[in-house]
Amino acid sequence: MNRGAVLFAFNSPSFDYFNVAKIAARRINHFLNLPVTIITDQESYIKGYKFDKVIFTNPNKNNKRDIGDWYNKGRYKVFELSPYDETLLLDTDYIVNSDKLNMLFDYPTDFCCHKNASILLQPSIPQEYLSEHSFQSLWATVVYFKKTKRTKYIFELVKMIENNYQYYASLHKFVHMPFRNDFALTLALRIVNGHIDDMADIIPWNLLHTGRNTKIYKVNDDEFDTEFCIMYDNWQKGKLKKDYIILKDTDFHVIVKDSFSEWIK
């Protein structure tokens, strides 16, 4: 069976996702030894990095959040568009910094994603729920799947939920704008599994985020060095305390894109 990673990258006025995807692809090639397919549009595409495959599609631009436009819809297309039998679907702002994700290819399921998450230097932040009236959200940041009938149903349900997102937001009492793949995936997987949590579909370690008020620095100029300095502006009683940690051989997800804008250039 052939294996590979897939990235979606549609540039918006708010952020250059394509250039971030090129950095993500290089790290996936280096640490996981996997080919990378990028799904993008002609407007975002820039020649230079040799992806395994480049697939063009038109993004749905009808999504906004407080910091600007967010072209994150349509990721359900990955089931049909992925050229691989086994696929790692990753956010472009997920920093592969080890070979740990290769373990998922040996995990006894046809689909898995993260449920629990940790925010580096901010351990007191609770797990996210769809709303106070609903259940805990899953994360679409890292998704592994094989092309089976069950996973086809999962992605068909994600499409259906995306197309009827306002209805599901009203049903589960969460805000309907912006659209979130995390919430759509949560609902789709629960429907497929008969409205229960199946722990076989959960990646057996926490997703690690770097959160707000965080800066990320490379320790040295080696592109594939595994050490990063994470610095957090910790405000306590009106006073600023800078907390920091050296992160090594550990994958992480960058929530606030500006926090790594300097070193992706």
C-alpha atoms as a PDB file:
ATOM      1  CA  MET A   1       0.000   0.000   0.000  1.00  0.00           C
ATOM      2  CA  ASN A   2       1.309   3.453  -0.842  1.00  0.00           C
ATOM      3  CA  ARG A   3       1.514   6.074   1.885  1.00  0.00           C
ATOM      4  CA  GLY A   4       1.842   9.821   1.890  1.00  0.00           C
ATOM      5  CA  ALA A   5       0.865  13.141   3.414  1.00  0.00           C
ATOM      6  CA  VAL A   6      -1.622  15.692   2.094  1.00  0.00           C
ATOM      7  CA  LEU A   7      -1.652  19.440   2.771  1.00  0.00           C
ATOM      8  CA  PHE A   8      -4.329  21.992   1.863  1.00  0.00           C
ATOM      9  CA  ALA A   9      -2.976  25.488   1.216  1.00  0.00           C
ATOM     10  CA  PHE A  10      -5.110  28.393   0.012  1.00  0.00           C
ATOM     11  CA  ASN A  11      -3.637  31.846   0.510  1.00  0.00           C
ATOM     12  CA  SER A  12      -5.870  34.534   1.959  1.00  0.00           C
ATOM     13  CA  PRO A  13      -5.353  38.271   2.479  1.00  0.00           C
ATOM     14  CA  SER A  14      -4.545  37.356   6.093  1.00  0.00           C
ATOM     15  CA  PHE A  15      -1.865  34.710   5.629  1.00  0.00           C
ATOM     16  CA  ASP A  16       0.476  33.021   3.142  1.00  0.00           C
ATOM     17  CA  TYR A  17      -0.434  29.375   3.651  1.00  0.00           C
ATOM     18  CA  PHE A  18       1.352  28.139   0.530  1.00  0.00           C
ATOM     19  CA  ASN A  19       4.826  29.147   1.681  1.00  0.00           C
ATOM     20  CA  VAL A  20       4.095  27.626   5.086  1.00  0.00           C
ATOM     21  CA  ALA A  21       3.068  24.428   3.264  1.00  0.00           C
ATOM     22  CA  LYS A  22       6.443  24.287   1.510  1.00  0.00           C
ATOM     23  CA  ILE A  23       8.210  24.318   4.870  1.00  0.00           C
ATOM     24  CA  ALA A  24       5.786  21.700   6.211  1.00  0.00           C
ATOM     25  CA  ALA A  25       6.428  19.485   3.178  1.00  0.00           C
ATOM     26  CA  ARG A  26      10.197  19.645   3.577  1.00  0.00           C
ATOM     27  CA  ARG A  27       9.909  18.607   7.215  1.00  0.00           C
ATOM     28  CA  ILE A  28       7.520  15.759   6.347  1.00  0.00           C
ATOM     29  CA  ASN A  29       9.948  14.513   3.688  1.00  0.00           C
ATOM     30  CA  HIS A  30      12.868  14.750   6.095  1.00  0.00           C
ATOM     31  CA  PHE A  31      11.422  13.361   9.339  1.00  0.00           C
ATOM     32  CA  LEU A  32       8.765  10.943   8.034  1.00  0.00           C
ATOM     33  CA  ASN A  33      10.315  10.022   4.685  1.00  0.00           C
ATOM     34  CA  LEU A  34       6.902  10.423   3.038  1.00  0.00           C
ATOM     35  CA  PRO A  35       5.859  11.995  -0.260  1.00  0.00           C
ATOM     36  CA  VAL A  36       3.663  15.083   0.031  1.00  0.00           C
ATOM     37  CA  THR A  37       0.706  16.092  -2.126  1.00  0.00           C
ATOM     38  CA  ILE A  38      -0.495  19.674  -1.960  1.00  0.00           C
ATOM     39  CA  ILE A  39      -4.075  20.684  -2.744  1.00  0.00           C
ATOM     40  CA  THR A  40      -4.141  24.349  -3.685  1.00  0.00           C
ATOM     41  CA  ASP A  41      -5.413  26.836  -6.255  1.00  0.00           C
ATOM     42  CA  GLN A  42      -3.709  28.538  -9.195  1.00  0.00           C
ATOM     43  CA  GLU A  43      -3.713  31.869  -7.367  1.00  0.00           C
ATOM     44  CA  SER A  44      -1.761  30.493  -4.400  1.00  0.00           C
ATOM     45  CA  TYR A  45       0.622  28.190  -6.276  1.00  0.00           C
ATOM     46  CA  ILE A  46       4.258  29.223  -6.654  1.00  0.00           C
ATOM     47  CA  LYS A  47       6.767  27.052  -8.491  1.00  0.00           C
ATOM     48  CA  GLY A  48       9.894  26.051  -6.664  1.00  0.00           C
ATOM     49  CA  TYR A  49       9.415  23.183  -4.241  1.00  0.00           C
ATOM     50  CA  LYS A  50       8.902  19.791  -5.888  1.00  0.00           C
ATOM     51  CA  PHE A  51       5.832  18.240  -4.289  1.00  0.00           C
ATOM     52  CA  ASP A  52       5.015  14.612  -5.032  1.00  0.00           C
ATOM     53  CA  LYS A  53       1.786  15.837  -6.636  1.00  0.00           C
ATOM     54  CA  VAL A  54       0.051  19.198  -7.027  1.00  0.00           C
ATOM     55  CA  ILE A  55      -3.744  19.116  -7.246  1.00  0.00           C
ATOM     56  CA  PHE A  56      -5.638  22.267  -8.132  1.00  0.00           C
ATOM     57  CA  THR A  57      -9.118  23.015  -6.872  1.00  0.00           C
ATOM     58  CA  ASN A  58     -11.084  26.178  -6.220  1.00  0.00           C
ATOM     59  CA  PRO A  59     -11.380  27.158  -2.542  1.00  0.00           C
ATOM     60  CA  ASN A  60     -14.610  28.147  -0.870  1.00  0.00           C
ATOM     61  CA  LYS A  61     -13.865  31.690   0.273  1.00  0.00           C
ATOM     62  CA  ASN A  62     -17.020  32.107   2.335  1.00  0.00           C
ATOM     63  CA  ASN A  63     -15.492  31.889   5.778  1.00  0.00           C
ATOM     64  CA  LYS A  64     -14.308  34.643   8.099  1.00  0.00           C
ATOM     65  CA  ARG A  65     -12.949  34.895  11.607  1.00  0.00           C
ATOM     66  CA  ASP A  66     -11.834  37.767  13.790  1.00  0.00           C
ATOM     67  CA  ILE A  67      -8.374  38.006  12.213  1.00  0.00           C
ATOM     68  CA  GLY A  68      -9.556  37.836   8.591  1.00  0.00           C
ATOM     69  CA  ASP A  69     -10.494  35.412   5.836  1.00  0.00           C
ATOM     70  CA  TRP A  70      -9.964  31.693   6.439  1.00  0.00           C
ATOM     71  CA  TYR A  71     -10.222  29.379   3.419  1.00  0.00           C
ATOM     72  CA  ASN A  72     -10.490  26.110   5.316  1.00  0.00           C
ATOM     73  CA  LYS A  73     -13.627  24.624   3.778  1.00  0.00           C
ATOM     74  CA  GLY A  74     -13.719  21.611   1.482  1.00  0.00           C
ATOM     75  CA  ARG A  75     -11.250  19.377   3.276  1.00  0.00           C
ATOM     76  CA  TYR A  76     -13.671  16.476   2.919  1.00  0.00           C
ATOM     77  CA  LYS A  77     -12.377  16.325  -0.690  1.00  0.00           C
ATOM     78  CA  VAL A  78      -9.220  14.682   0.615  1.00  0.00           C
ATOM     79  CA  PHE A  79     -10.833  11.237   0.436  1.00  0.00           C
ATOM     80  CA  GLU A  80     -11.294  11.488  -3.326  1.00  0.00           C
ATOM     81  CA  LEU A  81      -8.232  13.606  -4.108  1.00  0.00           C
ATOM     82  CA  SER A  82      -5.563  11.845  -2.059  1.00  0.00           C
ATOM     83  CA  PRO A  83      -3.416   9.642  -4.331  1.00  0.00           C
ATOM     84  CA  TYR A  84      -2.475   7.405  -1.389  1.00  0.00           C
ATOM     85  CA  ASP A  85      -4.031   4.270   0.105  1.00  0.00           C
ATOM     86  CA  GLU A  86      -3.001   5.531   3.535  1.00  0.00           C
ATOM     87  CA  THR A  87      -2.974   9.276   4.118  1.00  0.00           C
ATOM     88  CA  LEU A  88      -1.737  11.678   6.763  1.00  0.00           C
ATOM     89  CA  LEU A  89      -3.816  14.844   6.440  1.00  0.00           C
ATOM     90  CA  LEU A  90      -1.988  17.643   8.266  1.00  0.00           C
ATOM     91  CA  ASP A  91      -2.573  21.334   8.821  1.00  0.00           C
ATOM     92  CA  THR A  92       0.172  23.353   7.165  1.00  0.00           C
ATOM     93  CA  ASP A  93       0.957  25.006  10.513  1.00  0.00           C
ATOM     94  CA  TYR A  94       1.629  21.662  12.193  1.00  0.00           C
ATOM     95  CA  ILE A  95       5.386  21.427  12.751  1.00  0.00           C
ATOM     96  CA  VAL A  96       6.686  17.910  12.146  1.00  0.00           C
ATOM     97  CA  ASN A  97       9.737  17.678  14.352  1.00  0.00           C
ATOM     98  CA  SER A  98      10.170  13.915  14.799  1.00  0.00           C
ATOM     99  CA  ASP A  99       9.219  10.619  13.166  1.00  0.00           C
ATOM    100  CA  LYS A 100       6.430   9.935  15.684  1.00  0.00           C
ATOM    101  CA  LEU A 101       3.553  10.221  13.198  1.00  0.00           C
ATOM    102  CA  ASN A 102       4.844   7.168  11.337  1.00  0.00           C
ATOM    103  CA  MET A 103       3.479   5.142  14.252  1.00  0.00           C
ATOM    104  CA  LEU A 104      -0.042   5.837  12.979  1.00  0.00           C
ATOM    105  CA  PHE A 105       0.492   3.616   9.943  1.00  0.00           C
ATOM    106  CA  ASP A 106       0.747   0.661  12.335  1.00  0.00           C
ATOM    107  CA  TYR A 107      -2.209   1.734  14.471  1.00  0.00           C
ATOM    108  CA  PRO A 108      -5.101  -0.834  14.268  1.00  0.00           C
ATOM    109  CA  THR A 109      -7.750   1.447  12.758  1.00  0.00           C
ATOM    110  CA  ASP A 110      -8.721   2.927   9.408  1.00  0.00           C
ATOM    111  CA  PHE A 111      -9.155   6.440  10.861  1.00  0.00           C
ATOM    112  CA  CYS A 112      -7.806   8.409  13.781  1.00  0.00           C
ATOM    113  CA  CYS A 113      -7.376  11.969  15.012  1.00  0.00           C
ATOM    114  CA  HIS A 114      -6.596  13.761  18.264  1.00  0.00           C
ATOM    115  CA  LYS A 115      -9.084  14.237  21.078  1.00  0.00           C
ATOM    116  CA  ASN A 116      -7.068  15.717  23.945  1.00  0.00           C
ATOM    117  CA  ALA A 117      -4.728  18.649  23.552  1.00  0.00           C
ATOM    118  CA  SER A 118      -2.177  20.496  25.651  1.00  0.00           C
ATOM    119  CA  ILE A 119      -1.092  24.119  25.298  1.00  0.00           C
ATOM    120  CA  LEU A 120       2.590  24.587  25.925  1.00  0.00           C
ATOM    121  CA  LEU A 121       3.344  26.765  28.986  1.00  0.00           C
ATOM    122  CA  GLN A 122      -0.404  27.189  29.599  1.00  0.00           C
ATOM    123  CA  PRO A 123      -1.466  23.922  31.277  1.00  0.00           C
ATOM    124  CA  SER A 124      -4.506  25.405  33.025  1.00  0.00           C
ATOM    125  CA  ILE A 125      -6.504  25.917  29.804  1.00  0.00           C
ATOM    126  CA  PRO A 126      -9.280  23.276  29.725  1.00  0.00           C
ATOM    127  CA  GLN A 127     -10.162  20.921  26.881  1.00  0.00           C
ATOM    128  CA  GLU A 128     -12.420  22.420  24.233  1.00  0.00           C
ATOM    129  CA  TYR A 129     -16.098  21.493  23.930  1.00  0.00           C
ATOM    130  CA  LEU A 130     -18.459  22.285  21.074  1.00  0.00           C
ATOM    131  CA  SER A 131     -20.422  24.242  23.659  1.00  0.00           C
ATOM    132  CA  GLU A 132     -21.347  23.962  27.332  1.00  0.00           C
ATOM    133  CA  HIS A 133     -24.406  22.009  26.171  1.00  0.00           C
ATOM    134  CA  SER A 134     -22.500  19.549  23.984  1.00  0.00           C
ATOM    135  CA  PHE A 135     -19.499  17.207  24.025  1.00  0.00           C
ATOM    136  CA  GLN A 136     -15.741  17.489  23.738  1.00  0.00           C
ATOM    137  CA  SER A 137     -14.341  18.511  20.375  1.00  0.00           C
ATOM    138  CA  LEU A 138     -11.953  16.389  18.376  1.00  0.00           C
ATOM    139  CA  TRP A 139      -9.099  17.980  16.417  1.00  0.00           C
ATOM    140  CA  ALA A 140      -8.751  17.913  12.610  1.00  0.00           C
ATOM    141  CA  THR A 141      -5.124  19.124  12.809  1.00  0.00           C
ATOM    142  CA  VAL A 142      -3.721  15.623  12.297  1.00  0.00           C
ATOM    143  CA  VAL A 143      -5.869  12.970  10.633  1.00  0.00           C
ATOM    144  CA  TYR A 144      -4.791   9.505   9.507  1.00  0.00           C
ATOM    145  CA  PHE A 145      -7.047   7.418   7.283  1.00  0.00           C
ATOM    146  CA  LYS A 146      -7.157   4.473   4.936  1.00  0.00           C
ATOM    147  CA  LYS A 147      -9.507   4.452   1.961  1.00  0.00           C
ATOM    148  CA  THR A 148     -12.296   2.219   3.265  1.00  0.00           C
ATOM    149  CA  LYS A 149     -16.089   2.343   3.115  1.00  0.00           C
ATOM    150  CA  ARG A 150     -16.215   3.646   6.678  1.00  0.00           C
ATOM    151  CA  THR A 151     -13.806   6.509   6.074  1.00  0.00           C
ATOM    152  CA  LYS A 152     -15.678   7.400   2.901  1.00  0.00           C
ATOM    153  CA  TYR A 153     -18.826   7.767   5.045  1.00  0.00           C
ATOM    154  CA  ILE A 154     -16.909   9.932   7.528  1.00  0.00           C
ATOM    155  CA  PHE A 155     -15.825  12.404   4.855  1.00  0.00           C
ATOM    156  CA  GLU A 156     -19.258  12.382   3.219  1.00  0.00           C
ATOM    157  CA  LEU A 157     -20.700  13.326   6.602  1.00  0.00           C
ATOM    158  CA  VAL A 158     -18.134  16.102   7.025  1.00  0.00           C
ATOM    159  CA  LYS A 159     -19.330  17.467   3.673  1.00  0.00           C
ATOM    160  CA  MET A 160     -22.965  17.228   4.731  1.00  0.00           C
ATOM    161  CA  ILE A 161     -22.270  18.967   8.053  1.00  0.00           C
ATOM    162  CA  GLU A 162     -20.248  21.698   6.337  1.00  0.00           C
ATOM    163  CA  ASN A 163     -23.112  22.333   3.919  1.00  0.00           C
ATOM    164  CA  ASN A 164     -25.599  22.505   6.823  1.00  0.00           C
ATOM    165  CA  TYR A 165     -23.286  24.022   9.422  1.00  0.00           C
ATOM    166  CA  GLN A 166     -25.719  26.635  10.698  1.00  0.00           C
ATOM    167  CA  TYR A 167     -28.263  23.912  11.497  1.00  0.00           C
ATOM    168  CA  TYR A 168     -25.721  21.870  13.476  1.00  0.00           C
ATOM    169  CA  ALA A 169     -24.486  24.997  15.245  1.00  0.00           C
ATOM    170  CA  SER A 170     -28.036  25.724  16.341  1.00  0.00           C
ATOM    171  CA  LEU A 171     -28.589  22.103  17.395  1.00  0.00           C
ATOM    172  CA  HIS A 172     -25.401  21.906  19.490  1.00  0.00           C
ATOM    173  CA  LYS A 173     -25.392  25.561  20.613  1.00  0.00           C
ATOM    174  CA  PHE A 174     -22.095  26.687  19.148  1.00  0.00           C
ATOM    175  CA  VAL A 175     -21.290  29.768  17.043  1.00  0.00           C
ATOM    176  CA  HIS A 176     -21.837  29.080  13.337  1.00  0.00           C
ATOM    177  CA  MET A 177     -19.150  31.489  12.084  1.00  0.00           C
ATOM    178  CA  PRO A 178     -16.420  30.739  11.367  1.00  0.00           C
ATOM    179  CA  PHE A 179     -16.764  27.182  10.082  1.00  0.00           C
ATOM    180  CA  ARG A 180     -14.442  24.802  11.913  1.00  0.00           C
ATOM    181  CA  ASN A 181     -13.250  21.462  10.586  1.00  0.00           C
ATOM    182  CA  ASP A 182     -12.687  20.326  14.179  1.00  0.00           C
ATOM    183  CA  PHE A 183     -16.397  20.594  14.943  1.00  0.00           C
ATOM    184  CA  ALA A 184     -17.512  19.062  11.632  1.00  0.00           C
ATOM    185  CA  LEU A 185     -15.184  16.107  12.153  1.00  0.00           C
ATOM    186  CA  THR A 186     -16.383  15.654  15.741  1.00  0.00           C
ATOM    187  CA  LEU A 187     -20.000  15.414  14.639  1.00  0.00           C
ATOM    188  CA  ALA A 188     -19.250  13.182  11.634  1.00  0.00           C
ATOM    189  CA  LEU A 189     -17.258  10.656  13.639  1.00  0.00           C
ATOM    190  CA  ARG A 190     -19.896  10.452  16.359  1.00  0.00           C
ATOM    191  CA  ILE A 191     -22.610   9.794  13.765  1.00  0.00           C
ATOM    192  CA  VAL A 192     -20.570   7.043  12.084  1.00  0.00           C
ATOM    193  CA  ASN A 193     -19.866   5.434  15.465  1.00  0.00           C
ATOM    194  CA  GLY A 194     -23.486   5.452  16.631  1.00  0.00           C
ATOM    195  CA  HIS A 195     -23.096   8.602  18.806  1.00  0.00           C
ATOM    196  CA  ILE A 196     -20.460   7.098  21.064  1.00  0.00           C
ATOM    197  CA  ASP A 197     -16.755   7.732  21.545  1.00  0.00           C
ATOM    198  CA  ASP A 198     -14.664   4.970  19.999  1.00  0.00           C
ATOM    199  CA  MET A 199     -11.182   5.254  21.468  1.00  0.00           C
ATOM    200  CA  ALA A 200      -9.785   3.230  18.547  1.00  0.00           C
ATOM    201  CA  ASP A 201     -10.283   6.398  16.484  1.00  0.00           C
ATOM    202  CA  ILE A 202      -8.232   8.552  18.863  1.00  0.00           C
ATOM    203  CA  ILE A 203      -4.499   9.149  18.470  1.00  0.00           C
ATOM    204  CA  PRO A 204      -3.041   7.846  21.745  1.00  0.00           C
ATOM    205  CA  TRP A 205      -1.113  10.981  22.724  1.00  0.00           C
ATOM    206  CA  ASN A 206      -2.057  14.615  23.185  1.00  0.00           C
ATOM    207  CA  LEU A 207      -1.900  17.203  20.431  1.00  0.00           C
ATOM    208  CA  LEU A 208       0.536  19.908  21.512  1.00  0.00           C
ATOM    209  CA  HIS A 209      -0.333  23.525  20.711  1.00  0.00           C
ATOM    210  CA  THR A 210       1.669  26.690  21.068  1.00  0.00           C
ATOM    211  CA  GLY A 211      -0.953  29.218  22.106  1.00  0.00           C
ATOM    212  CA  ARG A 212      -1.542  32.941  22.214  1.00  0.00           C
ATOM    213  CA  ASN A 213       1.109  35.421  23.366  1.00  0.00           C
ATOM    214  CA  THR A 214       3.768  32.959  22.189  1.00  0.00           C
ATOM    215  CA  LYS A 215       6.880  33.443  20.080  1.00  0.00           C
ATOM    216  CA  ILE A 216       8.795  30.602  18.451  1.00  0.00           C
ATOM    217  CA  TYR A 217      12.482  30.814  17.632  1.00  0.00           C
ATOM    218  CA  LYS A 218      14.888  28.422  15.987  1.00  0.00           C
ATOM    219  CA  VAL A 219      17.799  27.564  18.217  1.00  0.00           C
ATOM    220  CA  ASN A 220      20.184  27.570  15.231  1.00  0.00           C
ATOM    221  CA  ASP A 221      20.124  28.030  11.458  1.00  0.00           C
ATOM    222  CA  ASP A 222      19.900  24.326  10.554  1.00  0.00           C
ATOM    223  CA  GLU A 223      16.545  23.914   8.780  1.00  0.00           C
ATOM    224  CA  PHE A 224      15.990  20.476  10.260  1.00  0.00           C
ATOM    225  CA  ASP A 225      17.318  21.106  13.734  1.00  0.00           C
ATOM    226  CA  THR A 226      14.780  19.717  16.198  1.00  0.00           C
ATOM    227  CA  GLU A 227      15.263  22.379  18.879  1.00  0.00           C
ATOM    228  CA  PHE A 228      12.938  25.362  19.178  1.00  0.00           C
ATOM    229  CA  CYS A 229      12.784  28.010  21.863  1.00  0.00           C
ATOM    230  CA  ILE A 230       9.168  28.724  22.838  1.00  0.00           C
ATOM    231  CA  MET A 231       8.676  32.005  24.712  1.00  0.00           C
ATOM    232  CA  TYR A 232       5.372  32.901  26.374  1.00  0.00           C
ATOM    233  CA  ASP A 233       4.297  36.350  27.598  1.00  0.00           C
ATOM    234  CA  ASN A 234       2.804  35.469  30.960  1.00  0.00           C
ATOM    235  CA  TRP A 235       0.854  38.399  32.434  1.00  0.00           C
ATOM    236  CA  GLN A 236       0.255  38.058  36.178  1.00  0.00           C
ATOM    237  CA  LYS A 237      -1.306  40.841  38.263  1.00  0.00           C
ATOM    238  CA  GLY A 238      -0.496  43.418  35.597  1.00  0.00           C
ATOM    239  CA  LYS A 239       3.159  42.417  35.352  1.00  0.00           C
ATOM    240  CA  LEU A 240       4.817  40.650  32.436  1.00  0.00           C
ATOM    241  CA  LYS A 241       6.846  37.536  33.077  1.00  0.00           C
ATOM    242  CA  LYS A 242       8.474  35.823  30.103  1.00  0.00           C
ATOM    243  CA  ASP A 243       8.388  32.049  30.414  1.00  0.00           C
ATOM    244  CA  TYR A 244      10.316  29.915  27.970  1.00  0.00           C
ATOM    245  CA  ILE A 245      11.134  26.313  27.220  1.00  0.00           C
ATOM    246  CA  ILE A 246      13.383  24.509  24.744  1.00  0.00           C
ATOM    247  CA  LEU A 247      11.346  22.033  22.726  1.00  0.00           C
ATOM    248  CA  LYS A 248      13.247  19.165  21.101  1.00  0.00           C
ATOM    249  CA  ASP A 249      12.237  16.122  19.019  1.00  0.00           C
ATOM    250  CA  THR A 250       8.570  17.021  19.540  1.00  0.00           C
ATOM    251  CA  ASP A 251       5.849  17.860  17.010  1.00  0.00           C
ATOM    252  CA  PHE A 252       3.625  20.852  17.710  1.00  0.00           C
ATOM    253  CA  HIS A 253       0.793  22.913  16.236  1.00  0.00           C
ATOM    254  CA  VAL A 254       1.065  26.681  15.904  1.00  0.00           C
ATOM    255  CA  ILE A 255      -2.328  28.203  16.701  1.00  0.00           C
ATOM    256  CA  VAL A 256      -1.370  31.860  16.259  1.00  0.00           C
ATOM    257  CA  LYS A 257       0.249  32.195  12.853  1.00  0.00           C
ATOM    258  CA  ASP A 258       2.086  35.472  13.568  1.00  0.00           C
ATOM    259  CA  SER A 259       4.078  33.707  16.267  1.00  0.00           C
ATOM    260  CA  PHE A 260       6.251  32.010  13.645  1.00  0.00           C
ATOM    261  CA  SER A 261       6.034  34.476  10.769  1.00  0.00           C
ATOM    262  CA  GLU A 262       9.686  35.504  11.116  1.00  0.00           C
ATOM    263  CA  TRP A 263      11.280  32.104  10.711  1.00  0.00           C
ATOM    264  CA  ILE A 264       9.101  30.852   7.845  1.00  0.00           C
ATOM    265  CA  LYS A 265      10.399  33.490   5.424  1.00  0.00           C
END
